[in-house]
Amino acid sequence: MLGVSTSTTVTSINVNGIRAAVKQRSEKNLGMLPWLEQTGADVVALQETRAELEQIVKALAPALERGWYLTAAPSEVKGRNGVAILSRLEPDAVRVGFGSSEFDAAGRYLEADFGRLTVASLYLPSGDVGTERQDEKDRFRKEFGGYLAKLGRKRRDVVVCGDWNIGHTELDIKNWKGNVKNSGFLPEERAWMSEHIGAGRAFKDVVRELHPETAGPYSWWSWRGKAFDNDAGWRIDLQIANNALAGHARAARVERAAEYALRWSDHAPVTVEYSAASPR
């Protein structure tokens, strides 16, 4: 249970529209709500909710009635972006954004404190080379990178969960050779990740630390074609923990659906168990 010194479990999932995720496979009792009923996670970071607060509350009403606490940061633009955090315990404090005049109202970043533990939900822009979307992504990276550097110096246990929309290494994309000139695997994007994550940096990619030589485990597959069946995916949904917390990551997994027909998002939940988490 969150706040107990033995274990804290955190999950990150891009829901690709909270209302769609709740409805998806609901006729088979396999959508997001049944997943929330069975998960052992103490905190669930959500991205791309694409809904206003009242719509999120309505979609998640059964889970909230069962005791989950909801913290949400919708985008000021209806139907776009949006991040949220579900937790077993009510947060001590919540912060929306990271001090950006451009992005704080865009539904891209949210933090919640639980004792000495800070959990953040991030939805980094996706980008498209040669377009304004890529320019937006580059501006976000520049601003958020400065904030990450400050966050890494805090004397707290910190984990930033979310859809980073960047494959850091060749192990993170099945078809990496075909994507070296595409947004999500550009050299400058990967170099930016290396500035903040890895040996000698303030943060560790805990899934990669626990699965150092594994191709993937991928967390996103296109709805189109046979990408899911062929496991032709991208590992872009990450949990990066500061060094104080990363050393307590004892197990990590991607909760990949057993088959295409059972998916309720084009992403899969990324779950990490942390032992000896800071007490409340």
C-alpha atoms as a PDB file:
ATOM      1  CA  MET A   1       0.000   0.000   0.000  1.00  0.00           C
ATOM      2  CA  LEU A   2       1.306   3.483  -0.824  1.00  0.00           C
ATOM      3  CA  GLY A   3       3.264   4.963   2.017  1.00  0.00           C
ATOM      4  CA  VAL A   4       4.233   1.632   3.561  1.00  0.00           C
ATOM      5  CA  SER A   5       7.993   1.141   3.732  1.00  0.00           C
ATOM      6  CA  THR A   6       7.944  -2.313   2.125  1.00  0.00           C
ATOM      7  CA  SER A   7       6.564  -1.642  -1.350  1.00  0.00           C
ATOM      8  CA  THR A   8       4.952   0.937  -3.617  1.00  0.00           C
ATOM      9  CA  THR A   9       3.729   0.018  -7.099  1.00  0.00           C
ATOM     10  CA  VAL A  10       3.394   2.672  -9.793  1.00  0.00           C
ATOM     11  CA  THR A  11       1.821   2.252 -13.234  1.00  0.00           C
ATOM     12  CA  SER A  12       1.934   4.578 -16.225  1.00  0.00           C
ATOM     13  CA  ILE A  13      -0.511   4.303 -19.147  1.00  0.00           C
ATOM     14  CA  ASN A  14      -1.403   6.497 -22.117  1.00  0.00           C
ATOM     15  CA  VAL A  15      -5.134   5.796 -22.318  1.00  0.00           C
ATOM     16  CA  ASN A  16      -5.580   7.358 -25.790  1.00  0.00           C
ATOM     17  CA  GLY A  17      -8.798   9.039 -24.652  1.00  0.00           C
ATOM     18  CA  ILE A  18     -10.179   8.212 -21.215  1.00  0.00           C
ATOM     19  CA  ARG A  19     -13.761   7.782 -22.437  1.00  0.00           C
ATOM     20  CA  ALA A  20     -12.662   5.457 -25.236  1.00  0.00           C
ATOM     21  CA  ALA A  21     -10.460   3.439 -22.853  1.00  0.00           C
ATOM     22  CA  VAL A  22     -13.401   2.909 -20.502  1.00  0.00           C
ATOM     23  CA  LYS A  23     -15.734   1.887 -23.335  1.00  0.00           C
ATOM     24  CA  GLN A  24     -13.171  -0.183 -25.240  1.00  0.00           C
ATOM     25  CA  ARG A  25     -13.832  -3.917 -24.747  1.00  0.00           C
ATOM     26  CA  SER A  26     -16.429  -3.054 -22.089  1.00  0.00           C
ATOM     27  CA  GLU A  27     -18.816  -5.552 -23.655  1.00  0.00           C
ATOM     28  CA  LYS A  28     -16.254  -8.232 -22.758  1.00  0.00           C
ATOM     29  CA  ASN A  29     -15.590  -6.703 -19.326  1.00  0.00           C
ATOM     30  CA  LEU A  30     -12.011  -6.078 -20.451  1.00  0.00           C
ATOM     31  CA  GLY A  31     -11.707  -2.279 -20.606  1.00  0.00           C
ATOM     32  CA  MET A  32      -9.901   0.146 -18.349  1.00  0.00           C
ATOM     33  CA  LEU A  33     -12.312  -0.131 -15.411  1.00  0.00           C
ATOM     34  CA  PRO A  34     -11.893  -3.916 -15.047  1.00  0.00           C
ATOM     35  CA  TRP A  35      -8.136  -3.369 -15.264  1.00  0.00           C
ATOM     36  CA  LEU A  36      -8.325  -0.864 -12.398  1.00  0.00           C
ATOM     37  CA  GLU A  37     -10.293  -3.397 -10.348  1.00  0.00           C
ATOM     38  CA  GLN A  38      -7.551  -5.998 -10.561  1.00  0.00           C
ATOM     39  CA  THR A  39      -4.391  -3.880 -10.583  1.00  0.00           C
ATOM     40  CA  GLY A  40      -2.074  -3.930  -7.606  1.00  0.00           C
ATOM     41  CA  ALA A  41      -0.835  -0.415  -8.368  1.00  0.00           C
ATOM     42  CA  ASP A  42      -0.893   2.205  -5.640  1.00  0.00           C
ATOM     43  CA  VAL A  43      -0.553   5.089  -8.103  1.00  0.00           C
ATOM     44  CA  VAL A  44      -1.578   5.165 -11.775  1.00  0.00           C
ATOM     45  CA  ALA A  45      -0.308   7.994 -13.980  1.00  0.00           C
ATOM     46  CA  LEU A  46      -2.530   8.625 -16.999  1.00  0.00           C
ATOM     47  CA  GLN A  47      -1.741  10.474 -20.216  1.00  0.00           C
ATOM     48  CA  GLU A  48      -3.794  11.686 -23.163  1.00  0.00           C
ATOM     49  CA  THR A  49      -7.092  11.713 -21.289  1.00  0.00           C
ATOM     50  CA  ARG A  50      -8.538  14.089 -23.941  1.00  0.00           C
ATOM     51  CA  ALA A  51     -11.506  15.145 -21.798  1.00  0.00           C
ATOM     52  CA  GLU A  52     -12.671  17.872 -19.457  1.00  0.00           C
ATOM     53  CA  LEU A  53     -12.608  17.252 -15.705  1.00  0.00           C
ATOM     54  CA  GLU A  54     -16.301  16.455 -15.391  1.00  0.00           C
ATOM     55  CA  GLN A  55     -16.026  14.003 -18.296  1.00  0.00           C
ATOM     56  CA  ILE A  56     -13.071  12.262 -16.638  1.00  0.00           C
ATOM     57  CA  VAL A  57     -14.958  12.025 -13.343  1.00  0.00           C
ATOM     58  CA  LYS A  58     -17.983  10.555 -15.119  1.00  0.00           C
ATOM     59  CA  ALA A  59     -15.910   8.012 -17.042  1.00  0.00           C
ATOM     60  CA  LEU A  60     -14.069   6.883 -13.906  1.00  0.00           C
ATOM     61  CA  ALA A  61     -17.048   7.110 -11.533  1.00  0.00           C
ATOM     62  CA  PRO A  62     -17.100   3.372 -10.640  1.00  0.00           C
ATOM     63  CA  ALA A  63     -13.393   3.466  -9.752  1.00  0.00           C
ATOM     64  CA  LEU A  64     -13.751   6.659  -7.736  1.00  0.00           C
ATOM     65  CA  GLU A  65     -16.670   5.124  -5.841  1.00  0.00           C
ATOM     66  CA  ARG A  66     -14.382   2.230  -4.926  1.00  0.00           C
ATOM     67  CA  GLY A  67     -11.930   4.630  -3.295  1.00  0.00           C
ATOM     68  CA  TRP A  68      -9.499   5.833  -5.954  1.00  0.00           C
ATOM     69  CA  TYR A  69      -8.505   9.502  -5.686  1.00  0.00           C
ATOM     70  CA  LEU A  70      -8.323  11.500  -8.917  1.00  0.00           C
ATOM     71  CA  THR A  71      -6.053  14.434  -9.706  1.00  0.00           C
ATOM     72  CA  ALA A  72      -6.357  15.763 -13.243  1.00  0.00           C
ATOM     73  CA  ALA A  73      -4.870  18.453 -15.466  1.00  0.00           C
ATOM     74  CA  PRO A  74      -6.991  18.709 -18.619  1.00  0.00           C
ATOM     75  CA  SER A  75      -5.859  20.780 -21.574  1.00  0.00           C
ATOM     76  CA  GLU A  76      -7.320  24.222 -22.121  1.00  0.00           C
ATOM     77  CA  VAL A  77      -8.012  23.028 -25.671  1.00  0.00           C
ATOM     78  CA  LYS A  78     -10.975  20.659 -25.572  1.00  0.00           C
ATOM     79  CA  GLY A  79     -10.309  17.108 -26.713  1.00  0.00           C
ATOM     80  CA  ARG A  80      -6.528  17.432 -26.618  1.00  0.00           C
ATOM     81  CA  ASN A  81      -3.765  16.064 -24.401  1.00  0.00           C
ATOM     82  CA  GLY A  82      -4.589  15.858 -20.681  1.00  0.00           C
ATOM     83  CA  VAL A  83      -2.804  14.093 -17.822  1.00  0.00           C
ATOM     84  CA  ALA A  84      -4.103  12.685 -14.555  1.00  0.00           C
ATOM     85  CA  ILE A  85      -3.082  10.638 -11.516  1.00  0.00           C
ATOM     86  CA  LEU A  86      -5.178   8.016  -9.737  1.00  0.00           C
ATOM     87  CA  SER A  87      -4.040   7.015  -6.249  1.00  0.00           C
ATOM     88  CA  ARG A  88      -5.125   4.821  -3.364  1.00  0.00           C
ATOM     89  CA  LEU A  89      -4.402   7.669  -0.944  1.00  0.00           C
ATOM     90  CA  GLU A  90      -5.165  11.352  -1.295  1.00  0.00           C
ATOM     91  CA  PRO A  91      -2.084  13.368  -2.315  1.00  0.00           C
ATOM     92  CA  ASP A  92      -0.514  15.746   0.176  1.00  0.00           C
ATOM     93  CA  ALA A  93       0.080  18.304  -2.561  1.00  0.00           C
ATOM     94  CA  VAL A  94      -0.517  18.694  -6.290  1.00  0.00           C
ATOM     95  CA  ARG A  95       1.224  20.867  -8.901  1.00  0.00           C
ATOM     96  CA  VAL A  96       0.081  21.449 -12.477  1.00  0.00           C
ATOM     97  CA  GLY A  97       2.770  22.248 -15.030  1.00  0.00           C
ATOM     98  CA  PHE A  98       6.440  23.092 -14.569  1.00  0.00           C
ATOM     99  CA  GLY A  99       6.463  26.867 -14.757  1.00  0.00           C
ATOM    100  CA  SER A 100       5.985  27.205 -18.522  1.00  0.00           C
ATOM    101  CA  SER A 101       3.870  30.018 -19.902  1.00  0.00           C
ATOM    102  CA  GLU A 102       3.342  28.007 -23.085  1.00  0.00           C
ATOM    103  CA  PHE A 103       2.712  24.506 -21.766  1.00  0.00           C
ATOM    104  CA  ASP A 104       1.312  24.657 -18.224  1.00  0.00           C
ATOM    105  CA  ALA A 105      -2.295  24.911 -19.437  1.00  0.00           C
ATOM    106  CA  ALA A 106      -1.802  22.350 -22.201  1.00  0.00           C
ATOM    107  CA  GLY A 107      -2.467  19.245 -20.104  1.00  0.00           C
ATOM    108  CA  ARG A 108       1.059  17.868 -20.399  1.00  0.00           C
ATOM    109  CA  TYR A 109       2.512  17.687 -16.873  1.00  0.00           C
ATOM    110  CA  LEU A 110       1.200  17.026 -13.359  1.00  0.00           C
ATOM    111  CA  GLU A 111       2.850  16.182 -10.030  1.00  0.00           C
ATOM    112  CA  ALA A 112       1.437  14.706  -6.830  1.00  0.00           C
ATOM    113  CA  ASP A 113       3.217  14.280  -3.486  1.00  0.00           C
ATOM    114  CA  PHE A 114       2.697  11.340  -1.144  1.00  0.00           C
ATOM    115  CA  GLY A 115       4.895  11.865   1.874  1.00  0.00           C
ATOM    116  CA  ARG A 116       8.467  11.968   0.522  1.00  0.00           C
ATOM    117  CA  LEU A 117       7.422  10.435  -2.792  1.00  0.00           C
ATOM    118  CA  THR A 118       6.602  12.585  -5.833  1.00  0.00           C
ATOM    119  CA  VAL A 119       4.866  10.954  -8.793  1.00  0.00           C
ATOM    120  CA  ALA A 120       4.583  12.920 -12.045  1.00  0.00           C
ATOM    121  CA  SER A 121       2.556  12.248 -15.177  1.00  0.00           C
ATOM    122  CA  LEU A 122       4.074  13.533 -18.433  1.00  0.00           C
ATOM    123  CA  TYR A 123       2.736  13.681 -21.978  1.00  0.00           C
ATOM    124  CA  LEU A 124       5.532  14.994 -24.167  1.00  0.00           C
ATOM    125  CA  PRO A 125       4.498  16.296 -27.627  1.00  0.00           C
ATOM    126  CA  SER A 126       4.748  13.772 -30.456  1.00  0.00           C
ATOM    127  CA  GLY A 127       6.152  15.948 -33.229  1.00  0.00           C
ATOM    128  CA  ASP A 128       6.451  15.576 -36.990  1.00  0.00           C
ATOM    129  CA  VAL A 129       9.691  16.534 -38.760  1.00  0.00           C
ATOM    130  CA  GLY A 130       9.468  19.738 -40.765  1.00  0.00           C
ATOM    131  CA  THR A 131       6.253  20.939 -39.146  1.00  0.00           C
ATOM    132  CA  GLU A 132       5.162  23.240 -36.324  1.00  0.00           C
ATOM    133  CA  ARG A 133       4.437  20.126 -34.264  1.00  0.00           C
ATOM    134  CA  GLN A 134       8.156  19.332 -34.217  1.00  0.00           C
ATOM    135  CA  ASP A 135       8.989  22.928 -33.337  1.00  0.00           C
ATOM    136  CA  GLU A 136       6.546  22.641 -30.424  1.00  0.00           C
ATOM    137  CA  LYS A 137       8.183  19.396 -29.313  1.00  0.00           C
ATOM    138  CA  ASP A 138      11.618  20.994 -29.447  1.00  0.00           C
ATOM    139  CA  ARG A 139      10.461  23.980 -27.387  1.00  0.00           C
ATOM    140  CA  PHE A 140       8.921  21.637 -24.826  1.00  0.00           C
ATOM    141  CA  ARG A 141      12.120  19.596 -24.589  1.00  0.00           C
ATOM    142  CA  LYS A 142      14.192  22.702 -23.977  1.00  0.00           C
ATOM    143  CA  GLU A 143      11.944  24.035 -21.220  1.00  0.00           C
ATOM    144  CA  PHE A 144      11.221  20.710 -19.587  1.00  0.00           C
ATOM    145  CA  GLY A 145      14.887  19.713 -19.648  1.00  0.00           C
ATOM    146  CA  GLY A 146      15.711  22.686 -17.456  1.00  0.00           C
ATOM    147  CA  TYR A 147      12.956  21.724 -15.054  1.00  0.00           C
ATOM    148  CA  LEU A 148      14.110  18.083 -14.950  1.00  0.00           C
ATOM    149  CA  ALA A 149      17.587  19.205 -13.936  1.00  0.00           C
ATOM    150  CA  LYS A 150      16.113  21.070 -10.965  1.00  0.00           C
ATOM    151  CA  LEU A 151      13.764  18.215 -10.093  1.00  0.00           C
ATOM    152  CA  GLY A 152      16.657  15.773 -10.003  1.00  0.00           C
ATOM    153  CA  ARG A 153      18.356  17.812  -7.287  1.00  0.00           C
ATOM    154  CA  LYS A 154      15.426  17.662  -4.876  1.00  0.00           C
ATOM    155  CA  ARG A 155      15.811  15.612  -1.723  1.00  0.00           C
ATOM    156  CA  ARG A 156      12.770  13.484  -2.412  1.00  0.00           C
ATOM    157  CA  ASP A 157      11.944  10.179  -4.046  1.00  0.00           C
ATOM    158  CA  VAL A 158      10.825  11.221  -7.537  1.00  0.00           C
ATOM    159  CA  VAL A 159       9.454   9.244 -10.477  1.00  0.00           C
ATOM    160  CA  VAL A 160       8.370  10.877 -13.736  1.00  0.00           C
ATOM    161  CA  CYS A 161       5.982   8.561 -15.574  1.00  0.00           C
ATOM    162  CA  GLY A 162       4.571   9.027 -19.001  1.00  0.00           C
ATOM    163  CA  ASP A 163       4.571   8.993 -22.744  1.00  0.00           C
ATOM    164  CA  TRP A 164       7.905  10.552 -23.708  1.00  0.00           C
ATOM    165  CA  ASN A 165       7.359  10.062 -27.452  1.00  0.00           C
ATOM    166  CA  ILE A 166      11.075   9.345 -27.880  1.00  0.00           C
ATOM    167  CA  GLY A 167      12.810   6.009 -28.276  1.00  0.00           C
ATOM    168  CA  HIS A 168      16.073   6.476 -26.405  1.00  0.00           C
ATOM    169  CA  THR A 169      18.138   3.642 -27.868  1.00  0.00           C
ATOM    170  CA  GLU A 170      18.074   1.135 -30.699  1.00  0.00           C
ATOM    171  CA  LEU A 171      16.615  -1.393 -28.254  1.00  0.00           C
ATOM    172  CA  ASP A 172      13.548   0.797 -27.855  1.00  0.00           C
ATOM    173  CA  ILE A 173      12.172   0.565 -31.404  1.00  0.00           C
ATOM    174  CA  LYS A 174      11.691  -2.622 -33.406  1.00  0.00           C
ATOM    175  CA  ASN A 175      12.314  -0.880 -36.743  1.00  0.00           C
ATOM    176  CA  TRP A 176      14.866   1.657 -35.547  1.00  0.00           C
ATOM    177  CA  LYS A 177      16.757   1.705 -38.865  1.00  0.00           C
ATOM    178  CA  GLY A 178      13.629   2.885 -40.655  1.00  0.00           C
ATOM    179  CA  ASN A 179      13.023   5.693 -38.145  1.00  0.00           C
ATOM    180  CA  VAL A 180      16.365   7.465 -37.814  1.00  0.00           C
ATOM    181  CA  LYS A 181      14.989  10.516 -39.663  1.00  0.00           C
ATOM    182  CA  ASN A 182      11.570  10.466 -38.015  1.00  0.00           C
ATOM    183  CA  SER A 183      10.335  12.295 -34.948  1.00  0.00           C
ATOM    184  CA  GLY A 184      10.697  10.042 -31.943  1.00  0.00           C
ATOM    185  CA  PHE A 185      14.123   8.718 -32.906  1.00  0.00           C
ATOM    186  CA  LEU A 186      16.010  11.771 -34.096  1.00  0.00           C
ATOM    187  CA  PRO A 187      19.648  12.058 -32.933  1.00  0.00           C
ATOM    188  CA  GLU A 188      18.956  15.328 -31.117  1.00  0.00           C
ATOM    189  CA  GLU A 189      15.980  13.826 -29.288  1.00  0.00           C
ATOM    190  CA  ARG A 190      17.983  10.798 -28.185  1.00  0.00           C
ATOM    191  CA  ALA A 191      20.879  13.024 -27.104  1.00  0.00           C
ATOM    192  CA  TRP A 192      18.442  15.074 -25.017  1.00  0.00           C
ATOM    193  CA  MET A 193      17.297  11.900 -23.260  1.00  0.00           C
ATOM    194  CA  SER A 194      20.932  10.992 -22.535  1.00  0.00           C
ATOM    195  CA  GLU A 195      21.497  14.391 -20.935  1.00  0.00           C
ATOM    196  CA  HIS A 196      19.021  13.518 -18.186  1.00  0.00           C
ATOM    197  CA  ILE A 197      18.820   9.723 -18.003  1.00  0.00           C
ATOM    198  CA  GLY A 198      21.495   7.099 -17.401  1.00  0.00           C
ATOM    199  CA  ALA A 199      24.797   6.542 -15.629  1.00  0.00           C
ATOM    200  CA  GLY A 200      26.031   9.701 -13.950  1.00  0.00           C
ATOM    201  CA  ARG A 201      22.735  11.496 -14.582  1.00  0.00           C
ATOM    202  CA  ALA A 202      20.035  12.567 -12.144  1.00  0.00           C
ATOM    203  CA  PHE A 203      17.531   9.954 -13.343  1.00  0.00           C
ATOM    204  CA  LYS A 204      17.473   6.287 -14.278  1.00  0.00           C
ATOM    205  CA  ASP A 205      15.135   4.580 -16.738  1.00  0.00           C
ATOM    206  CA  VAL A 206      14.070   1.891 -14.291  1.00  0.00           C
ATOM    207  CA  VAL A 207      12.581  -0.516 -16.854  1.00  0.00           C
ATOM    208  CA  ARG A 208      15.797  -0.408 -18.876  1.00  0.00           C
ATOM    209  CA  GLU A 209      17.888  -0.779 -15.714  1.00  0.00           C
ATOM    210  CA  LEU A 210      16.010  -3.982 -14.875  1.00  0.00           C
ATOM    211  CA  HIS A 211      15.949  -5.242 -18.495  1.00  0.00           C
ATOM    212  CA  PRO A 212      19.295  -3.969 -19.847  1.00  0.00           C
ATOM    213  CA  GLU A 213      19.664  -6.136 -22.952  1.00  0.00           C
ATOM    214  CA  THR A 214      16.000  -6.677 -23.846  1.00  0.00           C
ATOM    215  CA  ALA A 215      14.589  -5.497 -27.156  1.00  0.00           C
ATOM    216  CA  GLY A 216      11.757  -3.415 -25.737  1.00  0.00           C
ATOM    217  CA  PRO A 217       9.775  -4.394 -23.805  1.00  0.00           C
ATOM    218  CA  TYR A 218       7.662  -2.289 -26.155  1.00  0.00           C
ATOM    219  CA  SER A 219       4.727  -0.281 -24.815  1.00  0.00           C
ATOM    220  CA  TRP A 220       3.116   1.163 -27.971  1.00  0.00           C
ATOM    221  CA  TRP A 221       1.991  -0.493 -31.196  1.00  0.00           C
ATOM    222  CA  SER A 222       0.062   1.044 -34.060  1.00  0.00           C
ATOM    223  CA  TRP A 223      -3.580   0.015 -34.372  1.00  0.00           C
ATOM    224  CA  ARG A 224      -2.886  -0.524 -38.083  1.00  0.00           C
ATOM    225  CA  GLY A 225      -1.674  -3.664 -39.808  1.00  0.00           C
ATOM    226  CA  LYS A 226       0.092  -6.422 -37.900  1.00  0.00           C
ATOM    227  CA  ALA A 227       2.260  -4.220 -35.690  1.00  0.00           C
ATOM    228  CA  PHE A 228       0.885  -5.677 -32.461  1.00  0.00           C
ATOM    229  CA  ASP A 229       0.857  -9.285 -33.662  1.00  0.00           C
ATOM    230  CA  ASN A 230       4.461  -8.943 -34.878  1.00  0.00           C
ATOM    231  CA  ASP A 231       5.501  -6.995 -31.763  1.00  0.00           C
ATOM    232  CA  ALA A 232       6.738  -4.200 -34.024  1.00  0.00           C
ATOM    233  CA  GLY A 233       6.469  -1.620 -31.272  1.00  0.00           C
ATOM    234  CA  TRP A 234       8.109   1.346 -29.611  1.00  0.00           C
ATOM    235  CA  ARG A 235       9.181   1.685 -25.973  1.00  0.00           C
ATOM    236  CA  ILE A 236       8.225   5.294 -25.366  1.00  0.00           C
ATOM    237  CA  ASP A 237       6.276   4.951 -22.100  1.00  0.00           C
ATOM    238  CA  LEU A 238       8.834   5.313 -19.346  1.00  0.00           C
ATOM    239  CA  GLN A 239       9.239   5.623 -15.622  1.00  0.00           C
ATOM    240  CA  ILE A 240      12.374   7.577 -14.827  1.00  0.00           C
ATOM    241  CA  ALA A 241      13.271   7.696 -11.146  1.00  0.00           C
ATOM    242  CA  ASN A 242      15.869   9.799  -9.403  1.00  0.00           C
ATOM    243  CA  ASN A 243      18.830   7.917  -8.004  1.00  0.00           C
ATOM    244  CA  ALA A 244      17.384   7.769  -4.486  1.00  0.00           C
ATOM    245  CA  LEU A 245      14.331   5.873  -5.745  1.00  0.00           C
ATOM    246  CA  ALA A 246      15.762   4.021  -8.755  1.00  0.00           C
ATOM    247  CA  GLY A 247      17.833   1.784  -6.499  1.00  0.00           C
ATOM    248  CA  HIS A 248      14.603   0.495  -4.945  1.00  0.00           C
ATOM    249  CA  ALA A 249      13.021  -0.597  -8.253  1.00  0.00           C
ATOM    250  CA  ARG A 250      12.778  -4.348  -7.835  1.00  0.00           C
ATOM    251  CA  ALA A 251      10.502  -5.445 -10.690  1.00  0.00           C
ATOM    252  CA  ALA A 252       9.154  -3.892 -13.895  1.00  0.00           C
ATOM    253  CA  ARG A 253       6.829  -5.138 -16.594  1.00  0.00           C
ATOM    254  CA  VAL A 254       4.788  -4.016 -19.549  1.00  0.00           C
ATOM    255  CA  GLU A 255       1.251  -5.345 -19.240  1.00  0.00           C
ATOM    256  CA  ARG A 256       0.879  -6.282 -22.888  1.00  0.00           C
ATOM    257  CA  ALA A 257      -2.543  -7.636 -23.838  1.00  0.00           C
ATOM    258  CA  ALA A 258      -2.643 -11.330 -24.673  1.00  0.00           C
ATOM    259  CA  GLU A 259      -4.002 -10.536 -28.139  1.00  0.00           C
ATOM    260  CA  TYR A 260      -4.994  -7.597 -30.333  1.00  0.00           C
ATOM    261  CA  ALA A 261      -8.708  -7.974 -29.611  1.00  0.00           C
ATOM    262  CA  LEU A 262      -8.130  -7.478 -25.877  1.00  0.00           C
ATOM    263  CA  ARG A 263      -6.411  -4.072 -26.106  1.00  0.00           C
ATOM    264  CA  TRP A 264      -8.141  -1.011 -24.638  1.00  0.00           C
ATOM    265  CA  SER A 265      -5.469   1.465 -25.752  1.00  0.00           C
ATOM    266  CA  ASP A 266      -2.725   1.489 -28.363  1.00  0.00           C
ATOM    267  CA  HIS A 267      -0.345   1.734 -25.382  1.00  0.00           C
ATOM    268  CA  ALA A 268       0.118  -0.832 -22.608  1.00  0.00           C
ATOM    269  CA  PRO A 269       0.450  -0.163 -18.868  1.00  0.00           C
ATOM    270  CA  VAL A 270       4.051   0.055 -17.638  1.00  0.00           C
ATOM    271  CA  THR A 271       4.260  -1.091 -14.029  1.00  0.00           C
ATOM    272  CA  VAL A 272       7.177  -0.843 -11.589  1.00  0.00           C
ATOM    273  CA  GLU A 273       7.372  -2.166  -8.026  1.00  0.00           C
ATOM    274  CA  TYR A 274       9.534  -0.109  -5.694  1.00  0.00           C
ATOM    275  CA  SER A 275      10.664  -1.622  -2.406  1.00  0.00           C
ATOM    276  CA  ALA A 276      11.379   0.421   0.731  1.00  0.00           C
ATOM    277  CA  ALA A 277       9.563   3.473  -0.601  1.00  0.00           C
ATOM    278  CA  SER A 278       9.620   6.519   1.612  1.00  0.00           C
ATOM    279  CA  PRO A 279       6.984   6.370   4.366  1.00  0.00           C
ATOM    280  CA  ARG A 280       4.193   8.881   4.718  1.00  0.00           C
END
